[in-house]
C-alpha atoms as a PDB file:
ATOM      1  CA  UNK A   1      -0.114   0.105  -0.016  1.00  0.00           C
ATOM      2  CA  UNK A   2       1.644   3.516  -0.989  1.00  0.00           C
ATOM      3  CA  UNK A   3       1.809   6.238   1.522  1.00  0.00           C
ATOM      4  CA  UNK A   4      -1.126   8.263  -0.346  1.00  0.00           C
ATOM      5  CA  UNK A   5      -3.438   5.303   0.025  1.00  0.00           C
ATOM      6  CA  UNK A   6      -2.201   5.055   4.389  1.00  0.00           C
ATOM      7  CA  UNK A   7      -3.239   8.627   4.435  1.00  0.00           C
ATOM      8  CA  UNK A   8      -6.498   8.497   2.873  1.00  0.00           C
ATOM      9  CA  UNK A   9      -7.140   5.483   4.965  1.00  0.00           C
ATOM     10  CA  UNK A  10      -6.403   7.027   7.985  1.00  0.00           C
ATOM     11  CA  UNK A  11      -8.371   9.801   7.033  1.00  0.00           C
ATOM     12  CA  UNK A  12     -11.434   7.663   6.315  1.00  0.00           C
ATOM     13  CA  UNK A  13     -11.480   6.465   9.891  1.00  0.00           C
ATOM     14  CA  UNK A  14     -11.203   9.695  11.182  1.00  0.00           C
ATOM     15  CA  UNK A  15     -14.427  10.888   9.014  1.00  0.00           C
ATOM     16  CA  UNK A  16     -16.177   7.665  10.303  1.00  0.00           C
ATOM     17  CA  UNK A  17     -15.525   9.159  13.610  1.00  0.00           C
ATOM     18  CA  UNK A  18     -16.416  12.405  12.832  1.00  0.00           C
ATOM     19  CA  UNK A  19     -20.043  11.627  11.432  1.00  0.00           C
ATOM     20  CA  UNK A  20     -20.732   9.450  14.305  1.00  0.00           C
ATOM     21  CA  UNK A  21     -19.744  12.685  16.647  1.00  0.00           C
ATOM     22  CA  UNK A  22     -21.458  15.264  14.069  1.00  0.00           C
ATOM     23  CA  UNK A  23     -24.536  13.165  14.286  1.00  0.00           C
ATOM     24  CA  UNK A  24     -24.711  13.375  17.980  1.00  0.00           C
ATOM     25  CA  UNK A  25     -24.307  16.892  18.015  1.00  0.00           C
ATOM     26  CA  UNK A  26     -26.815  17.640  16.005  1.00  0.00           C
ATOM     27  CA  UNK A  27     -28.884  15.683  18.308  1.00  0.00           C
ATOM     28  CA  UNK A  28     -28.184  17.301  21.027  1.00  0.00           C
ATOM     29  CA  UNK A  29     -28.886  20.460  19.333  1.00  0.00           C
ATOM     30  CA  UNK A  30     -32.596  19.109  18.883  1.00  0.00           C
ATOM     31  CA  UNK A  31     -32.830  18.830  22.638  1.00  0.00           C
ATOM     32  CA  UNK A  32     -31.316  21.667  23.550  1.00  0.00           C
ATOM     33  CA  UNK A  33     -34.428  23.392  21.501  1.00  0.00           C
ATOM     34  CA  UNK A  34     -36.883  22.056  23.616  1.00  0.00           C
ATOM     35  CA  UNK A  35     -35.068  22.755  26.603  1.00  0.00           C
ATOM     36  CA  UNK A  36     -34.820  26.684  25.222  1.00  0.00           C
ATOM     37  CA  UNK A  37     -38.131  26.549  24.609  1.00  0.00           C
ATOM     38  CA  UNK A  38     -39.530  25.365  28.145  1.00  0.00           C
ATOM     39  CA  UNK A  39     -37.147  28.130  29.105  1.00  0.00           C
ATOM     40  CA  UNK A  40     -38.193  30.871  26.814  1.00  0.00           C
ATOM     41  CA  UNK A  41     -34.253  30.922  26.378  1.00  0.00           C
ATOM     42  CA  UNK A  42     -33.119  32.735  22.752  1.00  0.00           C
ATOM     43  CA  UNK A  43     -31.909  30.283  20.526  1.00  0.00           C
ATOM     44  CA  UNK A  44     -28.932  32.177  19.761  1.00  0.00           C
ATOM     45  CA  UNK A  45     -26.098  32.698  22.753  1.00  0.00           C
ATOM     46  CA  UNK A  46     -23.093  34.772  21.283  1.00  0.00           C
ATOM     47  CA  UNK A  47     -21.459  34.649  24.636  1.00  0.00           C
ATOM     48  CA  UNK A  48     -21.111  31.017  24.981  1.00  0.00           C
ATOM     49  CA  UNK A  49     -20.102  30.718  21.034  1.00  0.00           C
ATOM     50  CA  UNK A  50     -17.329  33.314  21.673  1.00  0.00           C
ATOM     51  CA  UNK A  51     -16.606  30.929  24.917  1.00  0.00           C
ATOM     52  CA  UNK A  52     -16.147  27.713  22.578  1.00  0.00           C
ATOM     53  CA  UNK A  53     -14.053  29.556  20.019  1.00  0.00           C
ATOM     54  CA  UNK A  54     -11.765  31.125  22.947  1.00  0.00           C
ATOM     55  CA  UNK A  55     -11.585  27.718  24.340  1.00  0.00           C
ATOM     56  CA  UNK A  56      -9.965  26.138  21.155  1.00  0.00           C
ATOM     57  CA  UNK A  57      -6.272  25.132  21.710  1.00  0.00           C
ATOM     58  CA  UNK A  58      -3.336  27.004  19.659  1.00  0.00           C
ATOM     59  CA  UNK A  59      -2.302  25.057  17.189  1.00  0.00           C
ATOM     60  CA  UNK A  60      -1.470  25.619  13.650  1.00  0.00           C
ATOM     61  CA  UNK A  61      -4.546  24.735  12.605  1.00  0.00           C
ATOM     62  CA  UNK A  62      -6.624  26.863  14.964  1.00  0.00           C
ATOM     63  CA  UNK A  63      -8.232  29.254  12.502  1.00  0.00           C
ATOM     64  CA  UNK A  64      -9.524  26.062  10.494  1.00  0.00           C
ATOM     65  CA  UNK A  65     -11.114  24.624  13.549  1.00  0.00           C
ATOM     66  CA  UNK A  66     -12.522  28.211  14.528  1.00  0.00           C
ATOM     67  CA  UNK A  67     -13.944  27.981  10.982  1.00  0.00           C
ATOM     68  CA  UNK A  68     -15.795  24.550  11.479  1.00  0.00           C
ATOM     69  CA  UNK A  69     -17.221  25.149  14.887  1.00  0.00           C
ATOM     70  CA  UNK A  70     -18.597  28.595  13.182  1.00  0.00           C
ATOM     71  CA  UNK A  71     -20.130  26.404  10.571  1.00  0.00           C
ATOM     72  CA  UNK A  72     -21.235  24.237  13.593  1.00  0.00           C
ATOM     73  CA  UNK A  73     -22.878  26.911  15.060  1.00  0.00           C
ATOM     74  CA  UNK A  74     -24.802  28.225  12.012  1.00  0.00           C
ATOM     75  CA  UNK A  75     -26.061  24.314  11.732  1.00  0.00           C
ATOM     76  CA  UNK A  76     -26.909  23.915  15.056  1.00  0.00           C
ATOM     77  CA  UNK A  77     -29.016  27.128  15.009  1.00  0.00           C
ATOM     78  CA  UNK A  78     -30.688  26.174  12.002  1.00  0.00           C
ATOM     79  CA  UNK A  79     -31.995  22.716  13.538  1.00  0.00           C
ATOM     80  CA  UNK A  80     -32.951  24.590  16.499  1.00  0.00           C
ATOM     81  CA  UNK A  81     -34.846  26.935  14.540  1.00  0.00           C
ATOM     82  CA  UNK A  82     -37.132  24.568  12.726  1.00  0.00           C
ATOM     83  CA  UNK A  83     -40.345  24.495  13.949  1.00  0.00           C
END
């Protein structure tokens, strides 16, 4: 097996883990929606989002990770805004 194939196989394994984790995260977003509805809490919590972004460890990929989280926030809000 060549190096490219090995690298891609490793990426595929990570992707499978990410798929499962993202599915769990989005399901939790749906549950959060119900709690927010019961408590009359707004969907958007900019302070929480900023705290999460600020907690991302410094690394050479930090800005990319932040962009992924911004996308996750957007998708989670879309899930929570669905009726």
